[in-house]
Amino acid sequence: MATPRSEPVYRITGAPTAQSEDLRGRTRKYLVSMGIRTACFIGATVTSGPLRWVLIAGAVLLPYLAVVFANAGRAARGAAPATTVHERTRNALPKGPPTPPG
């Protein structure tokens, strides 16, 4: 028979990701966005017509979007179960009907 615990039991599935892992992911997203921005600048210098203006718009807007997405913070990974498990205390069964004499 298990003894009741006085302290909460934590589930690992409800734990958030490590801060270093989160920072690494956000840095990667930012660097990819800045790489795309650099490609937009290079593409705008070698193209002409409407495509040039689309690439310039991308190069101007990407820094704002990259910062917003990189600073979005630690995102939740979906609906995780409760972080603590509360054990139910088991009560004894009620006394049964009296036994007939005999």
Protein backbone atom coordinates (compact mmCIF):
# COMPACT_ATOMS: atom_id res chain seq x y z
CA MET A 1 0.00 0.00 0.00
CA ALA A 2 1.39 3.42 -0.98
CA THR A 3 1.85 6.04 1.67
CA PRO A 4 0.35 9.47 0.96
CA ARG A 5 2.89 12.12 0.01
CA SER A 6 2.97 15.50 1.67
CA GLU A 7 4.76 17.20 -1.23
CA PRO A 8 3.45 17.56 -4.81
CA VAL A 9 4.67 15.19 -7.51
CA TYR A 10 5.70 16.96 -10.73
CA ARG A 11 5.18 15.54 -14.18
CA ILE A 12 8.04 16.09 -16.57
CA THR A 13 5.65 16.47 -19.53
CA GLY A 14 4.31 19.67 -17.99
CA ALA A 15 7.77 21.21 -17.59
CA PRO A 16 8.65 24.06 -19.96
CA THR A 17 11.60 23.80 -22.34
CA ALA A 18 15.02 24.78 -21.04
CA GLN A 19 15.80 28.46 -21.34
CA SER A 20 19.02 27.78 -23.26
CA GLU A 21 17.09 25.65 -25.77
CA ASP A 22 14.46 28.38 -26.14
CA LEU A 23 17.10 31.07 -26.68
CA ARG A 24 18.89 28.92 -29.26
CA GLY A 25 15.65 28.44 -31.21
CA ARG A 26 14.76 32.13 -31.16
CA THR A 27 18.31 33.06 -32.25
CA ARG A 28 18.09 30.59 -35.13
CA LYS A 29 14.77 32.11 -36.29
CA TYR A 30 16.25 35.61 -36.18
CA LEU A 31 19.36 34.62 -38.13
CA VAL A 32 17.30 32.85 -40.82
CA SER A 33 15.14 35.96 -41.19
CA MET A 34 18.21 38.19 -41.50
CA GLY A 35 19.63 35.82 -44.13
CA ILE A 36 16.43 36.17 -46.14
CA ARG A 37 16.69 39.95 -45.74
CA THR A 38 20.24 39.90 -47.09
CA ALA A 39 19.05 37.83 -50.06
CA CYS A 40 16.31 40.43 -50.66
CA PHE A 41 18.89 43.22 -50.74
CA ILE A 42 21.12 41.31 -53.14
CA GLY A 43 18.12 40.37 -55.30
CA ALA A 44 16.95 44.00 -55.40
CA THR A 45 20.32 45.10 -56.78
CA VAL A 46 20.33 42.60 -59.65
CA THR A 47 16.65 42.69 -60.69
CA SER A 48 14.43 45.36 -62.16
CA GLY A 49 10.74 46.10 -62.44
CA PRO A 50 8.08 45.15 -59.89
CA LEU A 51 10.15 42.30 -58.45
CA ARG A 52 12.76 44.83 -57.32
CA TRP A 53 10.13 46.71 -55.30
CA VAL A 54 8.82 43.51 -53.73
CA LEU A 55 12.35 42.59 -52.66
CA ILE A 56 12.97 46.08 -51.26
CA ALA A 57 9.71 45.89 -49.29
CA GLY A 58 10.79 42.50 -47.95
CA ALA A 59 14.18 43.87 -46.94
CA VAL A 60 12.53 46.79 -45.14
CA LEU A 61 9.82 44.78 -43.34
CA LEU A 62 11.84 41.70 -42.36
CA PRO A 63 13.84 43.34 -39.51
CA TYR A 64 10.63 44.30 -37.72
CA LEU A 65 9.10 40.85 -38.21
CA ALA A 66 12.35 39.12 -37.18
CA VAL A 67 12.51 41.03 -33.90
CA VAL A 68 8.83 40.43 -33.15
CA PHE A 69 9.14 36.69 -33.76
CA ALA A 70 12.48 36.37 -31.95
CA ASN A 71 11.16 38.20 -28.89
CA ALA A 72 7.89 36.29 -28.82
CA GLY A 73 9.17 34.60 -25.69
CA ARG A 74 8.82 31.09 -24.49
CA ALA A 75 5.94 29.53 -26.33
CA ALA A 76 3.81 26.83 -24.85
CA ARG A 77 4.02 23.47 -26.57
CA GLY A 78 0.34 22.78 -26.72
CA ALA A 79 -1.93 21.67 -23.97
CA ALA A 80 0.24 19.97 -21.40
CA PRO A 81 -1.27 17.99 -18.57
CA ALA A 82 -1.33 19.42 -15.09
CA THR A 83 2.11 20.00 -13.64
CA THR A 84 1.31 18.34 -10.36
CA VAL A 85 -0.36 15.10 -9.52
CA HIS A 86 -2.54 15.10 -6.45
CA GLU A 87 -2.91 11.66 -4.98
CA ARG A 88 -6.31 10.74 -3.66
CA THR A 89 -6.47 9.46 -0.17
CA ARG A 90 -8.17 6.11 0.06
CA ASN A 91 -10.70 5.74 2.82
CA ALA A 92 -11.54 2.41 4.36
CA LEU A 93 -14.66 0.67 3.12
CA PRO A 94 -17.75 1.27 5.23
CA LYS A 95 -18.72 -1.43 7.65
CA GLY A 96 -20.97 -4.03 6.06
CA PRO A 97 -24.33 -5.24 7.30
CA PRO A 98 -24.33 -7.08 10.64
CA THR A 99 -23.91 -10.82 10.40
CA PRO A 100 -26.88 -12.89 11.62
CA PRO A 101 -26.28 -14.79 14.86
CA GLY A 102 -25.86 -18.41 14.58
